[in-house]
Amino acid sequence: MTGSTAGPALSGTQAAILAAYAELIEEVGSDDVSYRVIARRAGIAERTVFRNYPTRVDLLLATAAWIEATLFAREESHSIFDIPLAIRDAMQRYDARPELAHVVAETAMRGVSGASPAPGRAQLERLLDAEVPSLDATQRRAVIAALSHLDSVGTWVTFRREFGMDGRDIADAAAWAAEGVLDSIRDRVTPWRGAEA
């Protein structure tokens, strides 16, 4: 899966604002940081922050997308069956930066207008089409839904808050669950996969 998000390219000023805000969230432990403090950290005027992100929701959405695309970015998987390893790695990265993981998760979980759920869905669809084209629409939707849910910072937050799990246990549980989803389709893989070797 990849952490890149669709959308317009950021200006240097916008990137500086989002980076400053992310740093402050990690330091202060809250997403409720004043525009004045963000501006000071970014080395710009407070009105410049307002001009780029007029509302707190605009700033939060942009920051969550920036965090996912930069700090939590990862390489695309080459096979649907590599997804559990990608999920394990993502969970470990979320655990290393919990304040930022919470911001990304809460932005998506709040259902804030403009949040992009399941950023890796298109890649899952491509991989399934290439490797397991025999899945019917219902099976395909179920596999994509399950893997998209498991491959999310929301899963990390749920395991952390609801079950009190530590980083390693979260990574293991999410990867194990993804393996379980994929076990149901392993026998449907197209023969060309083995011919590549």
N, C-alpha and C. Protein backbone atom coordinates (compact mmCIF):
# COMPACT_ATOMS: atom_id res chain seq x y z
N MET A 1 0.85 -1.16 0.00
CA MET A 1 0.00 0.00 0.00
C MET A 1 0.90 1.22 0.00
N THR A 2 0.34 2.30 -0.37
CA THR A 2 1.12 3.52 -0.41
C THR A 2 0.47 4.57 0.45
N GLY A 3 1.29 5.44 0.99
CA GLY A 3 0.76 6.48 1.83
C GLY A 3 0.44 7.75 1.07
N SER A 4 0.65 7.76 -0.23
CA SER A 4 0.40 8.98 -0.98
C SER A 4 -1.09 9.25 -1.06
N THR A 5 -1.44 10.50 -1.06
CA THR A 5 -2.84 10.88 -1.15
C THR A 5 -3.03 11.72 -2.38
N ALA A 6 -4.19 11.57 -2.99
CA ALA A 6 -4.49 12.38 -4.15
C ALA A 6 -4.79 13.80 -3.70
N GLY A 7 -4.52 14.73 -4.57
CA GLY A 7 -4.83 16.10 -4.24
C GLY A 7 -3.81 17.04 -4.82
N PRO A 8 -4.05 18.34 -4.68
CA PRO A 8 -3.14 19.31 -5.24
C PRO A 8 -1.80 19.31 -4.52
N ALA A 9 -0.76 19.66 -5.26
CA ALA A 9 0.57 19.76 -4.66
C ALA A 9 0.60 20.92 -3.68
N LEU A 10 1.37 20.77 -2.65
CA LEU A 10 1.48 21.82 -1.64
C LEU A 10 2.54 22.84 -2.01
N SER A 11 2.30 24.08 -1.67
CA SER A 11 3.33 25.10 -1.82
C SER A 11 4.34 24.91 -0.69
N GLY A 12 5.46 25.57 -0.80
CA GLY A 12 6.46 25.51 0.26
C GLY A 12 5.92 26.04 1.58
N THR A 13 5.12 27.09 1.49
CA THR A 13 4.52 27.68 2.70
C THR A 13 3.55 26.69 3.34
N GLN A 14 2.70 26.06 2.54
CA GLN A 14 1.75 25.09 3.08
C GLN A 14 2.49 23.92 3.74
N ALA A 15 3.52 23.41 3.08
CA ALA A 15 4.29 22.30 3.67
C ALA A 15 4.93 22.72 4.98
N ALA A 16 5.42 23.95 5.05
CA ALA A 16 6.02 24.45 6.30
C ALA A 16 4.98 24.55 7.41
N ILE A 17 3.79 25.00 7.06
CA ILE A 17 2.71 25.11 8.05
C ILE A 17 2.35 23.72 8.59
N LEU A 18 2.16 22.77 7.68
CA LEU A 18 1.75 21.42 8.10
C LEU A 18 2.85 20.73 8.90
N ALA A 19 4.10 20.90 8.48
CA ALA A 19 5.21 20.30 9.22
C ALA A 19 5.31 20.91 10.62
N ALA A 20 5.14 22.23 10.72
CA ALA A 20 5.19 22.90 12.02
C ALA A 20 4.06 22.42 12.92
N TYR A 21 2.87 22.30 12.35
CA TYR A 21 1.71 21.84 13.12
C TYR A 21 1.93 20.41 13.61
N ALA A 22 2.43 19.54 12.74
CA ALA A 22 2.69 18.15 13.15
C ALA A 22 3.73 18.09 14.26
N GLU A 23 4.79 18.88 14.15
CA GLU A 23 5.80 18.93 15.22
C GLU A 23 5.19 19.35 16.54
N LEU A 24 4.35 20.38 16.48
CA LEU A 24 3.73 20.89 17.70
C LEU A 24 2.76 19.87 18.30
N ILE A 25 2.04 19.16 17.46
CA ILE A 25 1.14 18.12 17.97
C ILE A 25 1.94 17.08 18.75
N GLU A 26 3.07 16.68 18.21
CA GLU A 26 3.90 15.69 18.92
C GLU A 26 4.46 16.26 20.22
N GLU A 27 4.84 17.51 20.21
CA GLU A 27 5.43 18.12 21.41
C GLU A 27 4.40 18.43 22.48
N VAL A 28 3.26 18.98 22.07
CA VAL A 28 2.25 19.45 23.02
C VAL A 28 1.26 18.33 23.35
N GLY A 29 1.08 17.39 22.43
CA GLY A 29 0.17 16.28 22.68
C GLY A 29 -1.28 16.60 22.41
N SER A 30 -1.54 17.60 21.58
CA SER A 30 -2.91 17.98 21.28
C SER A 30 -2.96 18.57 19.88
N ASP A 31 -4.12 18.40 19.22
CA ASP A 31 -4.27 19.04 17.92
C ASP A 31 -4.84 20.45 18.06
N ASP A 32 -5.03 20.90 19.29
CA ASP A 32 -5.58 22.22 19.57
C ASP A 32 -4.45 23.21 19.84
N VAL A 33 -3.68 23.50 18.80
CA VAL A 33 -2.55 24.42 18.89
C VAL A 33 -2.96 25.69 18.17
N SER A 34 -2.64 26.84 18.74
CA SER A 34 -3.08 28.10 18.14
C SER A 34 -2.36 28.39 16.83
N TYR A 35 -3.05 29.12 15.97
CA TYR A 35 -2.47 29.54 14.70
C TYR A 35 -1.22 30.40 14.94
N ARG A 36 -1.25 31.17 15.99
CA ARG A 36 -0.11 32.03 16.31
C ARG A 36 1.15 31.19 16.57
N VAL A 37 0.99 30.11 17.35
CA VAL A 37 2.12 29.25 17.68
C VAL A 37 2.60 28.50 16.42
N ILE A 38 1.66 28.06 15.60
CA ILE A 38 2.02 27.38 14.35
C ILE A 38 2.81 28.33 13.45
N ALA A 39 2.32 29.56 13.33
CA ALA A 39 2.99 30.56 12.48
C ALA A 39 4.41 30.82 12.98
N ARG A 40 4.56 30.97 14.28
CA ARG A 40 5.88 31.22 14.86
C ARG A 40 6.82 30.05 14.53
N ARG A 41 6.33 28.83 14.70
CA ARG A 41 7.16 27.65 14.42
C ARG A 41 7.54 27.57 12.94
N ALA A 42 6.59 27.93 12.06
CA ALA A 42 6.84 27.86 10.61
C ALA A 42 7.65 29.06 10.09
N GLY A 43 7.80 30.08 10.94
CA GLY A 43 8.55 31.26 10.54
C GLY A 43 7.81 32.15 9.56
N ILE A 44 6.48 32.22 9.73
CA ILE A 44 5.64 33.03 8.85
C ILE A 44 4.67 33.86 9.70
N ALA A 45 3.93 34.72 9.03
CA ALA A 45 2.92 35.53 9.73
C ALA A 45 1.68 34.69 10.00
N GLU A 46 1.00 34.99 11.11
CA GLU A 46 -0.21 34.26 11.48
C GLU A 46 -1.27 34.37 10.38
N ARG A 47 -1.39 35.51 9.74
CA ARG A 47 -2.39 35.67 8.68
C ARG A 47 -2.11 34.74 7.50
N THR A 48 -0.85 34.37 7.30
CA THR A 48 -0.51 33.44 6.22
C THR A 48 -1.08 32.05 6.52
N VAL A 49 -1.08 31.66 7.77
CA VAL A 49 -1.69 30.38 8.14
C VAL A 49 -3.18 30.44 7.86
N PHE A 50 -3.83 31.52 8.29
CA PHE A 50 -5.28 31.69 8.04
C PHE A 50 -5.60 31.74 6.55
N ARG A 51 -4.75 32.39 5.78
CA ARG A 51 -4.99 32.50 4.35
C ARG A 51 -4.96 31.11 3.68
N ASN A 52 -4.06 30.26 4.12
CA ASN A 52 -3.94 28.92 3.55
C ASN A 52 -4.95 27.94 4.13
N TYR A 53 -5.26 28.08 5.42
CA TYR A 53 -6.17 27.16 6.11
C TYR A 53 -7.13 27.98 6.97
N PRO A 54 -8.20 28.48 6.34
CA PRO A 54 -9.10 29.42 7.03
C PRO A 54 -9.80 28.86 8.27
N THR A 55 -10.01 27.55 8.31
CA THR A 55 -10.68 26.97 9.48
C THR A 55 -9.80 25.89 10.10
N ARG A 56 -10.10 25.58 11.33
CA ARG A 56 -9.39 24.52 12.04
C ARG A 56 -9.58 23.18 11.32
N VAL A 57 -10.78 22.94 10.78
CA VAL A 57 -11.04 21.69 10.04
C VAL A 57 -10.16 21.62 8.80
N ASP A 58 -10.02 22.73 8.06
CA ASP A 58 -9.15 22.75 6.89
C ASP A 58 -7.72 22.38 7.27
N LEU A 59 -7.25 22.97 8.34
CA LEU A 59 -5.88 22.71 8.80
C LEU A 59 -5.72 21.26 9.25
N LEU A 60 -6.68 20.75 9.99
CA LEU A 60 -6.60 19.39 10.49
C LEU A 60 -6.64 18.37 9.35
N LEU A 61 -7.53 18.56 8.38
CA LEU A 61 -7.60 17.65 7.24
C LEU A 61 -6.30 17.66 6.44
N ALA A 62 -5.80 18.85 6.16
CA ALA A 62 -4.56 18.96 5.40
C ALA A 62 -3.39 18.34 6.15
N THR A 63 -3.35 18.54 7.45
CA THR A 63 -2.25 17.99 8.25
C THR A 63 -2.34 16.47 8.30
N ALA A 64 -3.53 15.93 8.50
CA ALA A 64 -3.70 14.47 8.52
C ALA A 64 -3.27 13.86 7.19
N ALA A 65 -3.67 14.47 6.08
CA ALA A 65 -3.28 13.97 4.76
C ALA A 65 -1.77 14.07 4.58
N TRP A 66 -1.17 15.17 5.03
CA TRP A 66 0.27 15.36 4.91
C TRP A 66 1.02 14.32 5.75
N ILE A 67 0.56 14.07 6.96
CA ILE A 67 1.19 13.06 7.82
C ILE A 67 1.16 11.70 7.14
N GLU A 68 -0.01 11.32 6.62
CA GLU A 68 -0.12 10.02 5.94
C GLU A 68 0.78 9.95 4.72
N ALA A 69 0.85 11.02 3.95
CA ALA A 69 1.61 11.02 2.70
C ALA A 69 3.11 11.13 2.91
N THR A 70 3.54 11.66 4.04
CA THR A 70 4.98 11.87 4.25
C THR A 70 5.53 11.00 5.39
N LEU A 71 5.03 11.23 6.58
CA LEU A 71 5.59 10.55 7.74
C LEU A 71 5.19 9.08 7.82
N PHE A 72 4.01 8.74 7.30
CA PHE A 72 3.55 7.34 7.32
C PHE A 72 3.52 6.73 5.92
N ALA A 73 4.21 7.35 4.97
CA ALA A 73 4.24 6.83 3.60
C ALA A 73 4.97 5.49 3.56
N ARG A 74 4.61 4.68 2.57
CA ARG A 74 5.31 3.41 2.40
C ARG A 74 5.28 3.00 0.94
N GLU A 75 6.12 2.05 0.64
CA GLU A 75 6.21 1.52 -0.72
C GLU A 75 4.94 0.76 -1.07
N GLU A 76 4.63 0.74 -2.36
CA GLU A 76 3.50 -0.07 -2.82
C GLU A 76 3.87 -1.54 -2.73
N SER A 77 2.92 -2.35 -2.37
CA SER A 77 3.11 -3.80 -2.35
C SER A 77 3.03 -4.31 -3.79
N HIS A 78 3.80 -5.34 -4.08
CA HIS A 78 3.82 -5.90 -5.43
C HIS A 78 2.87 -7.08 -5.57
N SER A 79 2.37 -7.55 -4.43
CA SER A 79 1.44 -8.69 -4.44
C SER A 79 0.40 -8.46 -3.34
N ILE A 80 -0.80 -8.94 -3.59
CA ILE A 80 -1.84 -8.87 -2.56
C ILE A 80 -1.40 -9.63 -1.32
N PHE A 81 -0.56 -10.63 -1.50
CA PHE A 81 -0.12 -11.46 -0.38
C PHE A 81 1.03 -10.84 0.41
N ASP A 82 1.51 -9.67 -0.03
CA ASP A 82 2.49 -8.90 0.73
C ASP A 82 1.82 -7.91 1.69
N ILE A 83 0.52 -7.75 1.55
CA ILE A 83 -0.21 -6.76 2.34
C ILE A 83 -0.05 -6.99 3.85
N PRO A 84 -0.10 -8.23 4.36
CA PRO A 84 0.08 -8.39 5.81
C PRO A 84 1.41 -7.82 6.32
N LEU A 85 2.48 -7.95 5.55
CA LEU A 85 3.77 -7.37 5.96
C LEU A 85 3.70 -5.84 5.95
N ALA A 86 3.03 -5.29 4.94
CA ALA A 86 2.87 -3.84 4.87
C ALA A 86 2.05 -3.33 6.06
N ILE A 87 1.02 -4.09 6.42
CA ILE A 87 0.19 -3.71 7.57
C ILE A 87 1.00 -3.77 8.85
N ARG A 88 1.79 -4.81 9.02
CA ARG A 88 2.64 -4.93 10.22
C ARG A 88 3.57 -3.72 10.32
N ASP A 89 4.21 -3.37 9.21
CA ASP A 89 5.12 -2.24 9.19
C ASP A 89 4.40 -0.93 9.52
N ALA A 90 3.22 -0.74 8.94
CA ALA A 90 2.45 0.48 9.20
C ALA A 90 2.08 0.59 10.68
N MET A 91 1.64 -0.51 11.28
CA MET A 91 1.26 -0.49 12.70
C MET A 91 2.46 -0.11 13.57
N GLN A 92 3.64 -0.60 13.21
CA GLN A 92 4.84 -0.26 13.98
C GLN A 92 5.18 1.23 13.84
N ARG A 93 4.98 1.78 12.64
CA ARG A 93 5.24 3.21 12.45
C ARG A 93 4.23 4.07 13.20
N TYR A 94 2.95 3.64 13.22
CA TYR A 94 1.96 4.38 13.99
C TYR A 94 2.34 4.36 15.47
N ASP A 95 2.79 3.22 15.93
CA ASP A 95 3.14 3.08 17.34
C ASP A 95 4.34 3.96 17.71
N ALA A 96 5.23 4.18 16.76
CA ALA A 96 6.40 5.02 17.02
C ALA A 96 6.04 6.50 17.13
N ARG A 97 4.90 6.89 16.54
CA ARG A 97 4.48 8.30 16.56
C ARG A 97 3.00 8.38 16.92
N PRO A 98 2.66 8.01 18.15
CA PRO A 98 1.25 7.87 18.53
C PRO A 98 0.42 9.15 18.44
N GLU A 99 0.98 10.28 18.77
CA GLU A 99 0.20 11.52 18.71
C GLU A 99 -0.26 11.79 17.28
N LEU A 100 0.64 11.60 16.33
CA LEU A 100 0.29 11.84 14.93
C LEU A 100 -0.68 10.78 14.43
N ALA A 101 -0.49 9.54 14.87
CA ALA A 101 -1.41 8.47 14.47
C ALA A 101 -2.83 8.80 14.95
N HIS A 102 -2.94 9.30 16.16
CA HIS A 102 -4.26 9.66 16.69
C HIS A 102 -4.92 10.77 15.87
N VAL A 103 -4.14 11.76 15.45
CA VAL A 103 -4.69 12.85 14.64
C VAL A 103 -5.25 12.31 13.33
N VAL A 104 -4.47 11.46 12.66
CA VAL A 104 -4.92 10.90 11.38
C VAL A 104 -6.18 10.06 11.60
N ALA A 105 -6.17 9.21 12.62
CA ALA A 105 -7.31 8.33 12.87
C ALA A 105 -8.56 9.11 13.25
N GLU A 106 -8.41 10.07 14.13
CA GLU A 106 -9.57 10.81 14.59
C GLU A 106 -10.15 11.67 13.49
N THR A 107 -9.32 12.17 12.61
CA THR A 107 -9.83 12.94 11.47
C THR A 107 -10.70 12.05 10.60
N ALA A 108 -10.23 10.84 10.32
CA ALA A 108 -11.01 9.91 9.49
C ALA A 108 -12.23 9.40 10.23
N MET A 109 -12.07 9.09 11.53
CA MET A 109 -13.17 8.49 12.28
C MET A 109 -14.28 9.49 12.60
N ARG A 110 -13.94 10.74 12.69
CA ARG A 110 -14.96 11.76 12.94
C ARG A 110 -15.87 11.92 11.74
N GLY A 111 -15.41 11.40 10.59
CA GLY A 111 -16.21 11.58 9.38
C GLY A 111 -16.16 13.01 8.90
N VAL A 112 -15.07 13.69 9.21
CA VAL A 112 -14.93 15.08 8.79
C VAL A 112 -15.03 15.15 7.27
N SER A 113 -15.84 16.03 6.78
CA SER A 113 -16.01 16.18 5.34
C SER A 113 -14.67 16.45 4.68
N GLY A 114 -14.34 15.63 3.69
CA GLY A 114 -13.08 15.80 2.98
C GLY A 114 -12.03 14.78 3.37
N ALA A 115 -12.24 14.05 4.46
CA ALA A 115 -11.28 13.02 4.85
C ALA A 115 -11.37 11.89 3.83
N SER A 116 -10.23 11.32 3.49
CA SER A 116 -10.24 10.26 2.47
C SER A 116 -10.05 8.90 3.12
N PRO A 117 -11.14 8.14 3.27
CA PRO A 117 -11.00 6.81 3.86
C PRO A 117 -10.33 5.85 2.89
N ALA A 118 -9.68 4.85 3.42
CA ALA A 118 -9.07 3.77 2.65
C ALA A 118 -8.22 4.28 1.48
N PRO A 119 -7.13 4.99 1.78
CA PRO A 119 -6.31 5.53 0.69
C PRO A 119 -5.69 4.45 -0.19
N GLY A 120 -5.54 3.22 0.30
CA GLY A 120 -4.93 2.15 -0.49
C GLY A 120 -5.91 1.27 -1.23
N ARG A 121 -7.16 1.65 -1.23
CA ARG A 121 -8.18 0.80 -1.86
C ARG A 121 -7.91 0.54 -3.34
N ALA A 122 -7.53 1.58 -4.07
CA ALA A 122 -7.28 1.42 -5.51
C ALA A 122 -6.16 0.40 -5.76
N GLN A 123 -5.13 0.43 -4.91
CA GLN A 123 -4.05 -0.54 -5.08
C GLN A 123 -4.54 -1.95 -4.79
N LEU A 124 -5.34 -2.13 -3.76
CA LEU A 124 -5.89 -3.45 -3.46
C LEU A 124 -6.70 -3.97 -4.64
N GLU A 125 -7.49 -3.10 -5.23
CA GLU A 125 -8.29 -3.51 -6.39
C GLU A 125 -7.40 -3.95 -7.55
N ARG A 126 -6.34 -3.19 -7.82
CA ARG A 126 -5.42 -3.55 -8.90
C ARG A 126 -4.75 -4.90 -8.64
N LEU A 127 -4.30 -5.09 -7.41
CA LEU A 127 -3.61 -6.35 -7.08
C LEU A 127 -4.56 -7.54 -7.19
N LEU A 128 -5.77 -7.38 -6.69
CA LEU A 128 -6.75 -8.47 -6.81
C LEU A 128 -7.08 -8.76 -8.27
N ASP A 129 -7.26 -7.72 -9.06
CA ASP A 129 -7.55 -7.92 -10.48
C ASP A 129 -6.43 -8.71 -11.16
N ALA A 130 -5.19 -8.41 -10.80
CA ALA A 130 -4.05 -9.06 -11.44
C ALA A 130 -3.83 -10.48 -10.93
N GLU A 131 -4.02 -10.69 -9.64
CA GLU A 131 -3.64 -11.98 -9.05
C GLU A 131 -4.79 -12.94 -8.80
N VAL A 132 -5.97 -12.41 -8.54
CA VAL A 132 -7.10 -13.27 -8.22
C VAL A 132 -8.34 -12.77 -8.99
N PRO A 133 -8.28 -12.76 -10.33
CA PRO A 133 -9.39 -12.22 -11.10
C PRO A 133 -10.67 -13.06 -11.04
N SER A 134 -10.57 -14.28 -10.54
CA SER A 134 -11.75 -15.15 -10.50
C SER A 134 -12.71 -14.85 -9.36
N LEU A 135 -12.36 -13.92 -8.48
CA LEU A 135 -13.27 -13.58 -7.37
C LEU A 135 -14.53 -12.94 -7.91
N ASP A 136 -15.67 -13.34 -7.36
CA ASP A 136 -16.91 -12.67 -7.76
C ASP A 136 -16.98 -11.33 -7.02
N ALA A 137 -17.91 -10.50 -7.43
CA ALA A 137 -18.00 -9.13 -6.90
C ALA A 137 -18.17 -9.09 -5.38
N THR A 138 -18.95 -10.02 -4.84
CA THR A 138 -19.19 -10.04 -3.39
C THR A 138 -17.91 -10.41 -2.64
N GLN A 139 -17.22 -11.44 -3.10
CA GLN A 139 -15.96 -11.84 -2.45
C GLN A 139 -14.92 -10.73 -2.56
N ARG A 140 -14.82 -10.15 -3.73
CA ARG A 140 -13.84 -9.08 -3.97
C ARG A 140 -14.10 -7.91 -3.02
N ARG A 141 -15.35 -7.50 -2.91
CA ARG A 141 -15.71 -6.39 -2.02
C ARG A 141 -15.37 -6.73 -0.57
N ALA A 142 -15.64 -7.96 -0.16
CA ALA A 142 -15.36 -8.37 1.22
C ALA A 142 -13.86 -8.35 1.51
N VAL A 143 -13.05 -8.85 0.59
CA VAL A 143 -11.60 -8.86 0.78
C VAL A 143 -11.07 -7.43 0.84
N ILE A 144 -11.51 -6.59 -0.08
CA ILE A 144 -11.03 -5.20 -0.11
C ILE A 144 -11.47 -4.46 1.15
N ALA A 145 -12.70 -4.66 1.58
CA ALA A 145 -13.19 -3.99 2.79
C ALA A 145 -12.40 -4.42 4.02
N ALA A 146 -12.18 -5.72 4.15
CA ALA A 146 -11.45 -6.24 5.31
C ALA A 146 -10.01 -5.73 5.33
N LEU A 147 -9.33 -5.82 4.20
CA LEU A 147 -7.93 -5.37 4.16
C LEU A 147 -7.82 -3.86 4.33
N SER A 148 -8.76 -3.11 3.75
CA SER A 148 -8.74 -1.65 3.92
C SER A 148 -8.93 -1.27 5.38
N HIS A 149 -9.83 -1.97 6.04
CA HIS A 149 -10.07 -1.69 7.46
C HIS A 149 -8.84 -2.05 8.30
N LEU A 150 -8.26 -3.20 8.04
CA LEU A 150 -7.09 -3.62 8.81
C LEU A 150 -5.89 -2.71 8.53
N ASP A 151 -5.79 -2.22 7.31
CA ASP A 151 -4.67 -1.38 6.93
C ASP A 151 -5.01 0.09 7.15
N SER A 152 -5.35 0.41 8.38
CA SER A 152 -5.71 1.80 8.70
C SER A 152 -5.21 2.16 10.09
N VAL A 153 -4.96 3.43 10.25
CA VAL A 153 -4.55 3.92 11.55
C VAL A 153 -5.69 3.77 12.56
N GLY A 154 -6.93 3.73 12.06
CA GLY A 154 -8.07 3.50 12.94
C GLY A 154 -7.99 2.14 13.63
N THR A 155 -7.49 1.14 12.92
CA THR A 155 -7.30 -0.18 13.52
C THR A 155 -6.26 -0.10 14.63
N TRP A 156 -5.17 0.62 14.36
CA TRP A 156 -4.14 0.78 15.39
C TRP A 156 -4.74 1.42 16.65
N VAL A 157 -5.52 2.49 16.47
CA VAL A 157 -6.12 3.18 17.61
C VAL A 157 -7.08 2.25 18.36
N THR A 158 -7.89 1.50 17.63
CA THR A 158 -8.84 0.59 18.26
C THR A 158 -8.12 -0.47 19.09
N PHE A 159 -7.10 -1.08 18.51
CA PHE A 159 -6.34 -2.10 19.26
C PHE A 159 -5.68 -1.50 20.49
N ARG A 160 -5.19 -0.28 20.35
CA ARG A 160 -4.50 0.39 21.45
C ARG A 160 -5.49 0.78 22.56
N ARG A 161 -6.57 1.46 22.18
CA ARG A 161 -7.52 1.97 23.18
C ARG A 161 -8.45 0.89 23.73
N GLU A 162 -9.04 0.11 22.85
CA GLU A 162 -10.05 -0.85 23.27
C GLU A 162 -9.46 -2.09 23.92
N PHE A 163 -8.30 -2.52 23.45
CA PHE A 163 -7.72 -3.76 23.95
C PHE A 163 -6.45 -3.56 24.75
N GLY A 164 -5.96 -2.33 24.84
CA GLY A 164 -4.77 -2.03 25.62
C GLY A 164 -3.52 -2.74 25.12
N MET A 165 -3.48 -3.01 23.82
CA MET A 165 -2.35 -3.75 23.25
C MET A 165 -1.15 -2.84 23.05
N ASP A 166 0.04 -3.43 23.12
CA ASP A 166 1.25 -2.65 22.84
C ASP A 166 1.58 -2.76 21.35
N GLY A 167 2.60 -2.04 20.92
CA GLY A 167 2.93 -1.95 19.50
C GLY A 167 3.16 -3.27 18.81
N ARG A 168 3.93 -4.14 19.43
CA ARG A 168 4.22 -5.42 18.80
C ARG A 168 2.97 -6.28 18.68
N ASP A 169 2.16 -6.30 19.74
CA ASP A 169 0.93 -7.09 19.70
C ASP A 169 -0.04 -6.55 18.65
N ILE A 170 -0.10 -5.23 18.51
CA ILE A 170 -0.96 -4.64 17.50
C ILE A 170 -0.50 -5.06 16.11
N ALA A 171 0.79 -4.94 15.86
CA ALA A 171 1.34 -5.31 14.55
C ALA A 171 1.07 -6.79 14.25
N ASP A 172 1.28 -7.64 15.25
CA ASP A 172 1.03 -9.08 15.07
C ASP A 172 -0.44 -9.37 14.79
N ALA A 173 -1.33 -8.77 15.57
CA ALA A 173 -2.75 -9.04 15.42
C ALA A 173 -3.28 -8.57 14.07
N ALA A 174 -2.88 -7.38 13.65
CA ALA A 174 -3.35 -6.86 12.36
C ALA A 174 -2.83 -7.70 11.20
N ALA A 175 -1.55 -8.07 11.26
CA ALA A 175 -0.98 -8.89 10.18
C ALA A 175 -1.62 -10.28 10.17
N TRP A 176 -1.83 -10.85 11.34
CA TRP A 176 -2.46 -12.16 11.43
C TRP A 176 -3.88 -12.13 10.85
N ALA A 177 -4.63 -11.08 11.18
CA ALA A 177 -5.99 -10.96 10.65
C ALA A 177 -5.97 -10.81 9.12
N ALA A 178 -5.02 -10.05 8.60
CA ALA A 178 -4.90 -9.89 7.14
C ALA A 178 -4.55 -11.22 6.49
N GLU A 179 -3.68 -11.99 7.12
CA GLU A 179 -3.35 -13.33 6.60
C GLU A 179 -4.60 -14.20 6.55
N GLY A 180 -5.44 -14.10 7.57
CA GLY A 180 -6.67 -14.87 7.60
C GLY A 180 -7.60 -14.50 6.45
N VAL A 181 -7.69 -13.22 6.15
CA VAL A 181 -8.51 -12.77 5.02
C VAL A 181 -7.96 -13.36 3.72
N LEU A 182 -6.65 -13.31 3.57
CA LEU A 182 -6.02 -13.78 2.33
C LEU A 182 -6.01 -15.30 2.21
N ASP A 183 -6.00 -16.01 3.34
CA ASP A 183 -6.04 -17.48 3.29
C ASP A 183 -7.27 -17.97 2.54
N SER A 184 -8.36 -17.21 2.63
CA SER A 184 -9.60 -17.64 1.98
C SER A 184 -9.53 -17.56 0.45
N ILE A 185 -8.52 -16.89 -0.09
CA ILE A 185 -8.44 -16.76 -1.55
C ILE A 185 -7.14 -17.30 -2.15
N ARG A 186 -6.26 -17.84 -1.32
CA ARG A 186 -4.96 -18.31 -1.83
C ARG A 186 -5.09 -19.36 -2.93
N ASP A 187 -6.10 -20.21 -2.83
CA ASP A 187 -6.25 -21.27 -3.83
C ASP A 187 -6.83 -20.76 -5.14
N ARG A 188 -7.13 -19.47 -5.21
CA ARG A 188 -7.72 -18.89 -6.43
C ARG A 188 -6.71 -18.08 -7.24
N VAL A 189 -5.43 -18.09 -6.82
CA VAL A 189 -4.41 -17.28 -7.49
C VAL A 189 -4.21 -17.79 -8.92
N THR A 190 -4.04 -16.85 -9.84
CA THR A 190 -3.83 -17.22 -11.24
C THR A 190 -2.47 -17.88 -11.40
N PRO A 191 -2.34 -18.85 -12.33
CA PRO A 191 -1.10 -19.60 -12.51
C PRO A 191 0.11 -18.78 -12.91
N TRP A 192 -0.07 -17.63 -13.53
CA TRP A 192 1.09 -16.85 -14.01
C TRP A 192 2.04 -16.44 -12.91
N ARG A 193 1.57 -16.35 -11.66
CA ARG A 193 2.45 -15.95 -10.54
C ARG A 193 3.63 -16.88 -10.41
N GLY A 194 3.41 -18.18 -10.49
CA GLY A 194 4.50 -19.14 -10.34
C GLY A 194 5.41 -19.15 -11.56
N ALA A 195 4.92 -18.75 -12.72
CA ALA A 195 5.70 -18.76 -13.95
C ALA A 195 6.74 -17.65 -13.99
N GLU A 196 6.59 -16.64 -13.11
CA GLU A 196 7.54 -15.51 -13.11
C GLU A 196 8.91 -15.92 -12.58
N ALA A 197 8.95 -16.90 -11.71
CA ALA A 197 10.22 -17.26 -11.04
C ALA A 197 11.22 -17.85 -11.99
